[in-house]
N, C-alpha and C. Protein backbone atom coordinates (compact mmCIF):
# COMPACT_ATOMS: atom_id res chain seq x y z
N MET A 1 -13.47 8.15 -16.13
CA MET A 1 -12.93 7.61 -14.60
C MET A 1 -14.05 8.05 -13.73
N ARG A 2 -14.26 6.97 -12.48
CA ARG A 2 -15.32 7.41 -11.84
C ARG A 2 -14.80 7.71 -10.53
N MET A 3 -15.07 8.46 -10.05
CA MET A 3 -14.92 9.41 -8.92
C MET A 3 -15.98 9.63 -7.84
N LEU A 4 -15.56 9.22 -6.56
CA LEU A 4 -16.42 9.39 -5.52
C LEU A 4 -16.21 10.56 -4.59
N ALA A 5 -17.01 11.75 -4.70
CA ALA A 5 -16.27 12.50 -3.79
C ALA A 5 -17.60 13.01 -2.60
N PHE A 6 -16.66 13.50 -1.64
CA PHE A 6 -17.74 13.68 -0.27
C PHE A 6 -17.21 14.85 0.42
N VAL A 7 -17.97 15.40 1.55
CA VAL A 7 -17.74 16.40 2.12
C VAL A 7 -18.19 16.67 3.50
N ASP A 8 -17.76 17.09 4.47
CA ASP A 8 -18.26 17.59 5.72
C ASP A 8 -19.22 16.23 6.32
N LEU A 9 -18.19 15.06 6.44
CA LEU A 9 -18.74 13.76 7.09
C LEU A 9 -18.97 14.27 8.78
N HIS A 10 -18.36 14.97 8.97
CA HIS A 10 -17.81 15.31 10.46
C HIS A 10 -18.30 14.00 11.33
N GLY A 11 -17.69 13.00 10.89
CA GLY A 11 -17.50 11.84 11.86
C GLY A 11 -18.82 10.41 11.66
N ASN A 12 -19.78 11.24 10.97
CA ASN A 12 -21.04 10.28 11.14
C ASN A 12 -20.61 8.97 10.11
N ARG A 13 -20.69 8.10 11.31
CA ARG A 13 -20.20 6.66 10.67
C ARG A 13 -20.99 5.92 9.90
N SER A 14 -22.27 6.17 9.76
CA SER A 14 -23.36 5.19 9.16
C SER A 14 -23.00 5.60 7.45
N ALA A 15 -22.51 6.99 7.52
CA ALA A 15 -22.53 7.95 6.51
C ALA A 15 -21.22 7.23 5.70
N LEU A 16 -20.20 7.25 6.61
CA LEU A 16 -18.85 6.32 6.17
C LEU A 16 -19.09 5.08 5.76
N ARG A 17 -19.89 4.32 6.20
CA ARG A 17 -20.24 2.71 5.91
C ARG A 17 -20.67 3.06 4.47
N LYS A 18 -21.60 3.85 4.13
CA LYS A 18 -22.51 4.29 3.01
C LYS A 18 -21.34 4.47 1.75
N ILE A 19 -20.40 5.42 2.33
CA ILE A 19 -19.52 5.96 1.09
C ILE A 19 -18.51 4.58 0.60
N ILE A 20 -18.35 3.81 1.83
CA ILE A 20 -17.77 2.61 1.52
C ILE A 20 -18.09 1.47 0.62
N ARG A 21 -19.39 1.23 0.65
CA ARG A 21 -20.19 0.56 -0.10
C ARG A 21 -20.29 1.09 -1.48
N THR A 22 -20.60 2.19 -1.18
CA THR A 22 -20.72 2.86 -2.68
C THR A 22 -19.56 2.68 -3.73
N ALA A 23 -18.10 3.09 -2.84
CA ALA A 23 -17.22 2.71 -3.30
C ALA A 23 -16.50 1.38 -4.09
N ILE A 24 -17.19 0.57 -3.39
CA ILE A 24 -16.90 -1.07 -4.20
C ILE A 24 -17.95 -1.26 -4.90
N LYS A 25 -19.09 -0.93 -4.62
CA LYS A 25 -20.44 -1.46 -5.39
C LYS A 25 -20.36 -0.74 -6.87
N LYS A 26 -19.78 0.48 -6.85
CA LYS A 26 -19.79 1.29 -8.10
C LYS A 26 -18.22 1.06 -9.16
N SER A 27 -17.41 0.37 -8.19
CA SER A 27 -16.21 0.44 -8.89
C SER A 27 -15.55 1.79 -9.09
N ILE A 28 -15.39 2.45 -8.16
CA ILE A 28 -14.71 3.72 -8.20
C ILE A 28 -13.39 3.54 -8.23
N ASP A 29 -12.68 4.70 -9.12
CA ASP A 29 -11.13 4.63 -9.50
C ASP A 29 -10.84 5.60 -7.97
N ILE A 30 -11.22 6.46 -8.04
CA ILE A 30 -10.61 7.42 -7.08
C ILE A 30 -11.43 8.25 -6.12
N ILE A 31 -11.12 8.46 -4.93
CA ILE A 31 -12.04 9.08 -3.95
C ILE A 31 -11.45 10.29 -3.48
N VAL A 32 -12.62 11.87 -3.19
CA VAL A 32 -11.90 12.84 -2.93
C VAL A 32 -12.75 13.25 -1.79
N CYS A 33 -11.87 13.84 -0.53
CA CYS A 33 -12.64 14.35 0.41
C CYS A 33 -12.26 15.62 0.29
N ALA A 34 -13.03 16.82 0.45
CA ALA A 34 -12.86 18.08 0.49
C ALA A 34 -13.11 18.38 2.07
N GLY A 35 -12.37 17.73 3.04
CA GLY A 35 -12.37 18.27 4.40
C GLY A 35 -13.51 18.08 5.21
N ASP A 36 -13.31 18.43 6.30
CA ASP A 36 -14.21 18.41 7.83
C ASP A 36 -14.81 16.93 7.95
N PHE A 37 -14.10 15.94 7.12
CA PHE A 37 -14.48 14.60 7.73
C PHE A 37 -14.46 14.06 9.13
N THR A 38 -13.92 14.93 10.02
CA THR A 38 -13.76 14.62 11.56
C THR A 38 -14.73 15.85 12.21
N ILE A 39 -15.03 15.91 13.50
CA ILE A 39 -15.43 16.86 14.32
C ILE A 39 -14.24 17.06 15.43
N PHE A 40 -13.52 18.21 14.53
CA PHE A 40 -12.22 18.68 15.18
C PHE A 40 -11.29 17.74 15.63
N GLY A 41 -11.05 16.48 14.88
CA GLY A 41 -9.80 15.54 14.34
C GLY A 41 -10.49 14.60 15.12
N GLN A 42 -11.40 14.44 15.83
CA GLN A 42 -11.65 13.13 16.61
C GLN A 42 -12.05 11.88 15.65
N ALA A 43 -11.46 10.90 15.96
CA ALA A 43 -11.68 9.59 15.23
C ALA A 43 -10.99 9.73 13.88
N GLN A 44 -10.20 10.46 13.50
CA GLN A 44 -9.34 10.87 12.51
C GLN A 44 -8.59 9.63 11.97
N GLU A 45 -7.80 8.97 12.56
CA GLU A 45 -6.88 7.55 12.39
C GLU A 45 -7.99 6.58 11.95
N PHE A 46 -8.85 6.46 12.62
CA PHE A 46 -10.17 5.54 12.24
C PHE A 46 -10.59 5.82 10.79
N ILE A 47 -11.17 6.71 11.00
CA ILE A 47 -11.76 7.11 9.35
C ILE A 47 -10.82 6.97 8.23
N LEU A 48 -9.48 7.58 8.36
CA LEU A 48 -8.60 7.28 7.27
C LEU A 48 -8.43 6.05 6.94
N SER A 49 -8.30 4.93 8.41
CA SER A 49 -7.94 3.39 8.22
C SER A 49 -8.86 2.80 7.27
N LYS A 50 -10.47 3.30 7.38
CA LYS A 50 -11.62 2.56 6.80
C LYS A 50 -11.40 3.08 5.31
N LEU A 51 -11.08 4.32 4.89
CA LEU A 51 -11.08 4.84 3.61
C LEU A 51 -9.77 4.22 2.92
N ASN A 52 -8.75 3.97 3.46
CA ASN A 52 -7.60 3.31 3.25
C ASN A 52 -7.98 1.82 2.56
N SER A 53 -9.06 1.23 3.50
CA SER A 53 -9.15 -0.35 3.29
C SER A 53 -9.75 -0.41 2.06
N ILE A 54 -10.47 0.66 1.32
CA ILE A 54 -10.94 0.29 -0.20
C ILE A 54 -10.12 -0.10 -0.81
N GLY A 55 -8.91 0.43 -0.96
CA GLY A 55 -7.81 0.01 -1.86
C GLY A 55 -7.52 0.86 -3.19
N LYS A 56 -8.20 2.13 -2.86
CA LYS A 56 -8.29 2.83 -4.24
C LYS A 56 -7.71 4.34 -3.65
N PRO A 57 -6.98 5.00 -4.49
CA PRO A 57 -6.48 6.56 -3.93
C PRO A 57 -7.39 7.29 -3.32
N VAL A 58 -7.32 7.71 -2.11
CA VAL A 58 -8.08 8.70 -1.85
C VAL A 58 -7.51 10.21 -1.41
N LEU A 59 -7.81 10.99 -2.15
CA LEU A 59 -7.26 12.18 -2.20
C LEU A 59 -8.16 13.08 -1.01
N ILE A 60 -7.30 13.44 -0.09
CA ILE A 60 -7.69 14.47 1.10
C ILE A 60 -7.19 15.83 1.14
N ILE A 61 -8.00 16.71 1.72
CA ILE A 61 -7.39 17.99 2.52
C ILE A 61 -8.39 18.33 3.49
N HIS A 62 -7.79 19.30 3.96
CA HIS A 62 -8.36 19.62 5.71
C HIS A 62 -9.62 20.59 5.51
N GLY A 63 -10.38 20.58 6.32
CA GLY A 63 -11.47 21.32 6.29
C GLY A 63 -10.91 22.73 7.44
N ASN A 64 -12.11 22.92 8.20
CA ASN A 64 -11.78 23.79 9.35
C ASN A 64 -11.82 23.06 10.57
N HIS A 65 -12.28 21.79 10.17
CA HIS A 65 -12.38 21.11 11.66
C HIS A 65 -10.93 20.35 11.88
N GLU A 66 -9.89 19.97 10.89
CA GLU A 66 -9.11 19.07 10.70
C GLU A 66 -7.71 20.07 11.06
N ASP A 67 -6.56 19.76 11.54
CA ASP A 67 -5.34 20.11 11.68
C ASP A 67 -4.51 19.92 10.61
N GLU A 68 -3.80 20.79 9.78
CA GLU A 68 -2.99 20.56 8.58
C GLU A 68 -1.87 19.81 8.75
N THR A 69 -1.30 20.45 9.92
CA THR A 69 -0.04 19.47 9.76
C THR A 69 -0.28 17.80 10.45
N ALA A 70 -1.37 18.10 11.52
CA ALA A 70 -1.70 16.41 11.92
C ALA A 70 -2.30 15.44 10.91
N LEU A 71 -2.97 16.00 10.15
CA LEU A 71 -3.67 15.38 8.78
C LEU A 71 -2.44 14.93 7.69
N ARG A 72 -1.65 15.74 7.73
CA ARG A 72 -0.92 15.68 6.56
C ARG A 72 0.18 14.42 6.95
N LYS A 73 0.67 14.32 8.31
CA LYS A 73 1.16 12.87 8.94
C LYS A 73 0.67 11.81 9.06
N ALA A 74 -0.76 12.26 9.52
CA ALA A 74 -1.60 11.05 9.45
C ALA A 74 -1.52 10.30 8.13
N CYS A 75 -1.87 10.95 7.00
CA CYS A 75 -1.81 10.20 5.47
C CYS A 75 -0.92 9.93 5.23
N LYS A 76 0.37 10.00 5.68
CA LYS A 76 1.49 9.15 5.22
C LYS A 76 1.39 7.81 6.18
N ARG A 77 0.93 7.50 6.90
CA ARG A 77 0.70 6.35 7.72
C ARG A 77 -0.12 5.17 6.91
N PHE A 78 -0.78 5.42 5.73
CA PHE A 78 -1.87 4.71 4.99
C PHE A 78 -1.33 4.87 3.52
N SER A 79 -1.47 3.77 3.20
CA SER A 79 -0.43 3.61 1.76
C SER A 79 -1.29 4.35 0.57
N ASN A 80 -2.95 4.19 0.79
CA ASN A 80 -3.98 4.65 -0.28
C ASN A 80 -4.42 6.22 -0.15
N CYS A 81 -4.07 7.15 0.86
CA CYS A 81 -4.25 8.05 1.34
C CYS A 81 -3.50 9.26 1.06
N TYR A 82 -4.03 10.40 0.37
CA TYR A 82 -2.90 11.38 -0.24
C TYR A 82 -3.21 12.72 0.14
N PHE A 83 -2.72 13.61 0.90
CA PHE A 83 -2.80 14.70 1.49
C PHE A 83 -2.41 15.69 0.24
N ILE A 84 -3.49 16.52 -0.17
CA ILE A 84 -3.08 17.08 -1.54
C ILE A 84 -3.10 18.45 -1.24
N HIS A 85 -3.16 18.97 -0.16
CA HIS A 85 -3.26 20.90 0.02
C HIS A 85 -2.18 21.32 -0.34
N LYS A 86 -2.27 22.02 -1.07
CA LYS A 86 -0.92 22.97 -1.83
C LYS A 86 -0.19 21.97 -2.73
N THR A 87 -0.78 21.07 -3.21
CA THR A 87 -0.07 20.10 -4.20
C THR A 87 -0.74 19.52 -5.02
N GLY A 88 -0.47 18.47 -5.65
CA GLY A 88 -1.29 17.96 -7.03
C GLY A 88 -1.11 16.58 -7.02
N PHE A 89 -1.86 15.62 -7.56
CA PHE A 89 -2.03 14.22 -7.89
C PHE A 89 -2.56 14.22 -8.98
N ARG A 90 -1.67 13.35 -9.71
CA ARG A 90 -2.01 12.87 -11.16
C ARG A 90 -2.70 11.62 -11.40
N LYS A 91 -3.53 11.12 -11.98
CA LYS A 91 -3.99 9.85 -12.44
C LYS A 91 -4.39 9.92 -13.78
N ASN A 92 -4.16 9.28 -14.59
CA ASN A 92 -4.47 9.24 -16.07
C ASN A 92 -4.24 10.56 -16.74
N SER A 93 -5.09 11.18 -17.31
CA SER A 93 -4.95 12.56 -17.80
C SER A 93 -5.78 13.59 -16.62
N TYR A 94 -5.79 13.53 -15.54
CA TYR A 94 -6.35 14.37 -14.48
C TYR A 94 -5.23 14.72 -13.70
N LEU A 95 -4.89 16.31 -13.24
CA LEU A 95 -4.62 16.72 -12.44
C LEU A 95 -5.58 17.28 -11.13
N PHE A 96 -5.25 16.65 -10.17
CA PHE A 96 -6.25 17.04 -8.80
C PHE A 96 -5.42 17.93 -8.42
N VAL A 97 -5.77 19.32 -7.83
CA VAL A 97 -4.80 20.06 -7.14
C VAL A 97 -5.78 20.33 -5.81
N GLY A 98 -5.37 20.65 -4.69
CA GLY A 98 -6.18 20.80 -3.37
C GLY A 98 -5.59 21.94 -2.52
N TRP A 99 -6.71 22.69 -2.19
CA TRP A 99 -6.63 23.82 -1.05
C TRP A 99 -7.61 23.74 0.10
N GLY A 100 -7.09 23.45 1.05
CA GLY A 100 -7.82 23.15 2.23
C GLY A 100 -7.93 24.17 3.36
N GLY A 101 -8.78 24.22 4.43
CA GLY A 101 -8.94 24.94 5.45
C GLY A 101 -9.75 26.26 5.03
N GLY A 102 -9.80 27.06 5.71
CA GLY A 102 -10.60 28.42 5.65
C GLY A 102 -12.14 27.62 5.40
N GLY A 103 -13.10 28.90 4.32
CA GLY A 103 -14.28 28.42 4.32
C GLY A 103 -14.97 29.99 4.86
N PHE A 104 -14.31 30.79 5.65
CA PHE A 104 -15.05 31.77 6.21
C PHE A 104 -14.49 33.49 5.70
N SER A 105 -13.92 33.25 4.94
CA SER A 105 -13.72 34.64 3.84
C SER A 105 -14.27 34.77 2.72
N PHE A 106 -14.63 35.82 2.18
CA PHE A 106 -14.46 36.23 0.86
C PHE A 106 -13.21 36.21 -0.22
N ARG A 107 -12.17 36.41 0.62
CA ARG A 107 -10.99 36.49 -0.30
C ARG A 107 -9.85 35.75 0.58
N ASP A 108 -8.92 34.90 0.14
CA ASP A 108 -8.06 34.17 0.62
C ASP A 108 -6.43 34.71 -0.05
N LYS A 109 -5.75 35.55 0.48
CA LYS A 109 -4.68 36.30 0.14
C LYS A 109 -3.96 35.14 -0.17
N GLU A 110 -3.50 34.02 0.83
CA GLU A 110 -2.65 32.93 0.73
C GLU A 110 -2.85 32.04 -0.38
N PHE A 111 -4.15 31.77 -0.82
CA PHE A 111 -4.42 31.07 -2.10
C PHE A 111 -4.11 31.84 -3.14
N GLU A 112 -4.33 33.09 -3.03
CA GLU A 112 -4.09 33.89 -4.31
C GLU A 112 -2.59 33.66 -4.75
N ARG A 113 -1.66 34.03 -3.53
CA ARG A 113 -0.28 33.98 -4.05
C ARG A 113 0.28 32.34 -3.93
N TYR A 114 -0.70 31.43 -3.76
CA TYR A 114 0.09 30.03 -3.67
C TYR A 114 -0.77 29.32 -5.27
N SER A 115 -1.75 30.24 -5.71
CA SER A 115 -1.89 29.73 -7.27
C SER A 115 -1.24 29.77 -8.42
N ASN A 116 -0.23 30.90 -7.90
CA ASN A 116 0.66 30.68 -9.14
C ASN A 116 1.55 29.65 -9.55
N LYS A 117 1.71 29.05 -8.02
CA LYS A 117 2.19 27.66 -8.26
C LYS A 117 1.56 26.73 -8.65
N PHE A 118 0.25 26.51 -8.38
CA PHE A 118 -0.54 25.53 -9.18
C PHE A 118 -0.29 25.73 -10.94
N LYS A 119 -0.62 26.92 -10.94
CA LYS A 119 -0.23 27.39 -12.32
C LYS A 119 0.91 26.77 -13.20
N LYS A 120 1.99 26.75 -12.52
CA LYS A 120 2.99 26.29 -12.76
C LYS A 120 3.22 24.46 -13.13
N ILE A 121 2.40 23.85 -12.22
CA ILE A 121 2.50 22.42 -12.38
C ILE A 121 1.28 22.09 -13.55
N ILE A 122 0.26 22.85 -14.00
CA ILE A 122 -0.60 22.55 -14.78
C ILE A 122 -0.09 22.58 -16.26
N LYS A 123 -0.05 21.62 -16.85
CA LYS A 123 0.18 20.95 -18.11
C LYS A 123 -0.88 21.44 -19.24
N ASP A 124 -0.40 21.70 -20.39
CA ASP A 124 -1.20 22.02 -21.87
C ASP A 124 -2.50 20.82 -21.27
N ASN A 125 -2.12 19.73 -21.65
CA ASN A 125 -3.12 18.55 -21.82
C ASN A 125 -3.66 18.38 -20.70
N ASP A 126 -3.67 18.62 -19.44
CA ASP A 126 -4.11 18.45 -18.02
C ASP A 126 -5.61 18.78 -17.84
N LYS A 127 -6.10 17.72 -17.58
CA LYS A 127 -7.77 17.97 -17.11
C LYS A 127 -7.69 18.10 -15.29
N VAL A 128 -7.83 19.34 -15.11
CA VAL A 128 -7.77 19.77 -13.53
C VAL A 128 -9.09 19.65 -13.11
N VAL A 129 -8.87 19.26 -11.97
CA VAL A 129 -9.98 18.84 -10.74
C VAL A 129 -9.33 19.72 -9.57
N LEU A 130 -9.99 20.85 -9.34
CA LEU A 130 -9.67 21.45 -8.09
C LEU A 130 -10.93 21.30 -6.90
N VAL A 131 -10.11 20.95 -5.81
CA VAL A 131 -10.68 20.31 -4.72
C VAL A 131 -10.39 21.48 -3.58
N THR A 132 -11.55 22.05 -2.89
CA THR A 132 -11.14 23.39 -2.04
C THR A 132 -12.09 22.89 -0.60
N HIS A 133 -12.14 23.39 0.25
CA HIS A 133 -12.94 22.86 1.37
C HIS A 133 -14.07 24.53 1.26
N ALA A 134 -13.27 25.54 1.07
CA ALA A 134 -14.29 26.86 0.62
C ALA A 134 -14.95 26.54 -0.49
N PRO A 135 -16.18 26.84 -0.55
CA PRO A 135 -17.19 26.95 -2.09
C PRO A 135 -16.92 28.17 -2.58
N PRO A 136 -16.46 28.33 -4.22
CA PRO A 136 -16.48 29.50 -5.04
C PRO A 136 -17.58 30.29 -4.64
N TYR A 137 -17.37 31.61 -4.76
CA TYR A 137 -18.18 32.91 -4.83
C TYR A 137 -19.47 32.90 -5.88
N LYS A 138 -20.52 32.90 -5.48
CA LYS A 138 -21.67 33.18 -6.29
C LYS A 138 -22.13 32.23 -7.41
N THR A 139 -22.41 30.72 -6.45
CA THR A 139 -22.69 29.87 -7.11
C THR A 139 -24.25 29.23 -6.30
N ARG A 140 -24.83 28.05 -6.76
CA ARG A 140 -25.90 27.75 -6.12
C ARG A 140 -25.02 27.02 -4.75
N ILE A 141 -24.11 26.53 -4.95
CA ILE A 141 -23.24 25.65 -3.61
C ILE A 141 -22.78 26.83 -2.51
N ASP A 142 -22.74 28.00 -2.32
CA ASP A 142 -22.78 28.73 -1.60
C ASP A 142 -23.92 30.11 -1.11
N GLN A 143 -24.87 29.44 -1.80
CA GLN A 143 -26.09 30.60 -1.41
C GLN A 143 -26.69 30.25 -0.18
N ILE A 144 -26.79 31.18 0.80
CA ILE A 144 -27.58 31.02 2.01
C ILE A 144 -28.80 32.30 1.99
N GLY A 145 -29.96 31.63 2.00
CA GLY A 145 -30.74 32.49 1.77
C GLY A 145 -30.61 33.40 0.40
N LYS A 146 -30.73 34.78 0.17
CA LYS A 146 -30.60 35.63 -0.89
C LYS A 146 -28.79 35.90 -0.91
N GLU A 147 -28.35 35.63 0.01
CA GLU A 147 -26.72 36.00 0.26
C GLU A 147 -26.03 34.82 -0.44
N HIS A 148 -24.89 35.32 -0.76
CA HIS A 148 -23.50 34.59 -1.21
C HIS A 148 -22.27 34.35 -0.26
N ALA A 149 -21.97 32.97 0.12
CA ALA A 149 -21.09 33.12 1.19
C ALA A 149 -19.57 32.80 1.01
N GLY A 150 -19.63 32.69 -0.34
CA GLY A 150 -18.39 31.44 -0.78
C GLY A 150 -17.31 32.73 -1.09
N ASN A 151 -16.07 32.06 -1.52
CA ASN A 151 -14.87 32.66 -2.18
C ASN A 151 -14.62 33.30 -3.01
N LYS A 152 -14.24 34.37 -3.31
CA LYS A 152 -14.30 35.00 -4.84
C LYS A 152 -12.76 34.75 -5.25
N SER A 153 -11.93 34.72 -4.05
CA SER A 153 -10.53 34.19 -4.78
C SER A 153 -10.50 32.88 -5.55
N ILE A 154 -10.92 31.92 -4.96
CA ILE A 154 -11.24 30.56 -5.39
C ILE A 154 -12.14 30.68 -6.71
N ARG A 155 -13.18 31.47 -6.96
CA ARG A 155 -13.83 31.87 -8.00
C ARG A 155 -12.83 32.29 -9.11
N ARG A 156 -12.33 33.19 -8.86
CA ARG A 156 -11.72 33.80 -9.81
C ARG A 156 -10.30 32.83 -10.63
N PHE A 157 -9.90 32.06 -9.67
CA PHE A 157 -9.02 31.18 -9.95
C PHE A 157 -9.63 30.17 -10.80
N ILE A 158 -10.97 29.88 -10.90
CA ILE A 158 -11.67 28.94 -11.79
C ILE A 158 -11.67 29.54 -13.20
N GLU A 159 -12.32 30.87 -13.06
CA GLU A 159 -12.52 31.42 -14.23
C GLU A 159 -11.34 31.80 -15.10
N LYS A 160 -9.95 31.82 -14.24
CA LYS A 160 -8.80 31.91 -15.42
C LYS A 160 -8.52 30.39 -15.67
N ILE A 161 -8.57 29.49 -15.03
CA ILE A 161 -7.88 28.15 -15.03
C ILE A 161 -8.67 27.16 -15.96
N LYS A 162 -10.26 27.26 -15.48
CA LYS A 162 -11.10 26.57 -16.32
C LYS A 162 -10.93 25.13 -15.82
N PRO A 163 -11.08 24.78 -14.75
CA PRO A 163 -10.74 23.29 -14.56
C PRO A 163 -12.11 22.43 -15.16
N GLU A 164 -11.66 21.33 -15.19
CA GLU A 164 -13.15 20.46 -15.54
C GLU A 164 -14.13 20.26 -14.59
N LEU A 165 -13.73 20.29 -13.25
CA LEU A 165 -14.38 20.28 -12.31
C LEU A 165 -13.70 21.24 -11.04
N ALA A 166 -14.58 21.41 -10.25
CA ALA A 166 -14.41 21.96 -8.69
C ALA A 166 -15.09 21.15 -7.59
N VAL A 167 -14.46 20.79 -6.73
CA VAL A 167 -15.27 20.25 -5.85
C VAL A 167 -14.96 20.77 -4.30
N SER A 168 -16.27 21.13 -3.45
CA SER A 168 -16.08 21.84 -2.57
C SER A 168 -17.08 21.57 -1.37
N GLY A 169 -16.94 21.98 -0.23
CA GLY A 169 -18.60 22.11 0.54
C GLY A 169 -18.38 23.18 1.50
N HIS A 170 -18.01 22.75 2.62
CA HIS A 170 -18.20 23.75 4.17
C HIS A 170 -19.61 24.16 4.39
N LEU A 171 -20.24 24.59 3.48
CA LEU A 171 -21.71 25.24 3.53
C LEU A 171 -22.56 23.86 3.57
N HIS A 172 -22.95 23.33 4.88
CA HIS A 172 -23.83 22.20 4.41
C HIS A 172 -25.22 22.10 4.10
N GLU A 173 -25.65 23.16 4.15
CA GLU A 173 -27.08 23.52 3.29
C GLU A 173 -27.08 23.51 1.86
N CYS A 174 -25.98 23.94 1.39
CA CYS A 174 -25.74 23.73 -0.35
C CYS A 174 -25.20 22.72 -0.97
N ALA A 175 -25.31 21.55 -0.39
CA ALA A 175 -25.01 20.51 -1.37
C ALA A 175 -25.88 20.62 -2.62
N GLY A 176 -25.14 20.32 -3.80
CA GLY A 176 -25.81 20.43 -5.31
C GLY A 176 -24.52 20.79 -6.30
N GLU A 177 -24.65 21.25 -7.25
CA GLU A 177 -24.33 21.38 -8.54
C GLU A 177 -24.73 22.76 -8.91
N ASP A 178 -23.46 23.17 -9.86
CA ASP A 178 -23.72 24.50 -10.69
C ASP A 178 -22.71 24.39 -11.44
N ASN A 179 -22.28 25.47 -12.43
CA ASN A 179 -21.57 25.68 -13.00
C ASN A 179 -21.05 27.33 -13.19
N ILE A 180 -19.51 27.17 -13.02
CA ILE A 180 -18.70 28.31 -13.55
C ILE A 180 -18.24 28.60 -14.95
N GLY A 181 -18.74 29.07 -16.11
CA GLY A 181 -18.57 28.63 -17.27
C GLY A 181 -18.51 27.32 -17.82
N LYS A 182 -17.56 26.86 -18.04
CA LYS A 182 -17.69 25.00 -18.39
C LYS A 182 -17.56 24.30 -17.09
N THR A 183 -16.90 25.28 -16.17
CA THR A 183 -16.44 23.99 -15.08
C THR A 183 -18.02 23.94 -14.20
N LYS A 184 -17.75 22.67 -14.07
CA LYS A 184 -18.88 22.07 -13.10
C LYS A 184 -18.52 22.33 -11.78
N VAL A 185 -19.65 22.86 -10.63
CA VAL A 185 -18.80 23.06 -9.38
C VAL A 185 -19.64 22.36 -8.46
N VAL A 186 -19.40 21.22 -7.86
CA VAL A 186 -20.33 20.20 -6.93
C VAL A 186 -19.80 20.39 -5.41
N ASN A 187 -20.64 20.69 -4.56
CA ASN A 187 -21.00 20.20 -2.93
C ASN A 187 -21.50 19.12 -3.17
N PRO A 188 -20.66 17.56 -2.87
CA PRO A 188 -21.14 16.25 -2.85
C PRO A 188 -21.99 16.02 -1.65
N GLY A 189 -21.87 16.70 -0.58
CA GLY A 189 -22.37 16.54 0.74
C GLY A 189 -21.78 15.36 1.61
N TYR A 190 -22.26 15.04 2.59
CA TYR A 190 -21.76 14.04 3.43
C TYR A 190 -22.19 12.42 2.78
N LYS A 191 -23.10 12.47 2.39
CA LYS A 191 -23.28 11.16 1.81
C LYS A 191 -22.63 10.67 0.70
N GLY A 192 -21.97 11.63 -0.06
CA GLY A 192 -21.18 11.71 -1.21
C GLY A 192 -21.86 11.40 -2.82
N LYS A 193 -21.19 11.72 -3.59
CA LYS A 193 -21.64 11.80 -4.81
C LYS A 193 -20.66 10.98 -6.02
N VAL A 194 -21.16 10.17 -6.92
CA VAL A 194 -20.34 9.72 -8.08
C VAL A 194 -20.41 10.58 -9.34
N ILE A 195 -19.09 11.06 -9.80
CA ILE A 195 -19.18 11.57 -10.58
C ILE A 195 -17.99 11.35 -11.70
N ILE A 196 -18.81 11.22 -12.86
CA ILE A 196 -17.77 10.32 -13.92
C ILE A 196 -17.13 11.80 -14.65
N ILE A 197 -15.61 11.32 -14.77
CA ILE A 197 -15.08 12.78 -15.48
C ILE A 197 -14.39 11.99 -16.49
């Protein structure tokens, strides 16, 4: 399956046009947005309508620039946009689970409590893709200088569940890839990244 992931677009319309062109040119099967595609919600409907027009499933979580409730309602107005915060989306043998918001703490107690619900929907044969706005702790995608600014709760979940892939963002300087055990962790950046899964 060919996935196009992006994060931290912050309303950049030229980058949005590039994402749309890439999705069409590369025959993308699914699009994943790990949040902060707006600047505090500005042009949210416009961006969703453009992503929806691609005609493929667009899985979205909110970042720290989108309002959870407003984005959930907005996604319901578009047939191809799916708000996956606190829930899952199945495609083929893949289960995408999402956790939006945050990005400013080492520990997320709400995520820790809610992660037990994720564990209940994950079946034995599922290939899991975790989509969070905050990056997991202590990887190349959360390193600012010599310090790590990611989330330890998310890292522990990855170590326990061992998803195939974890997509996140929030730290603009840290677009790139790393691994936590066998899990590939990716900050695809605002220009997006095609990932074969």
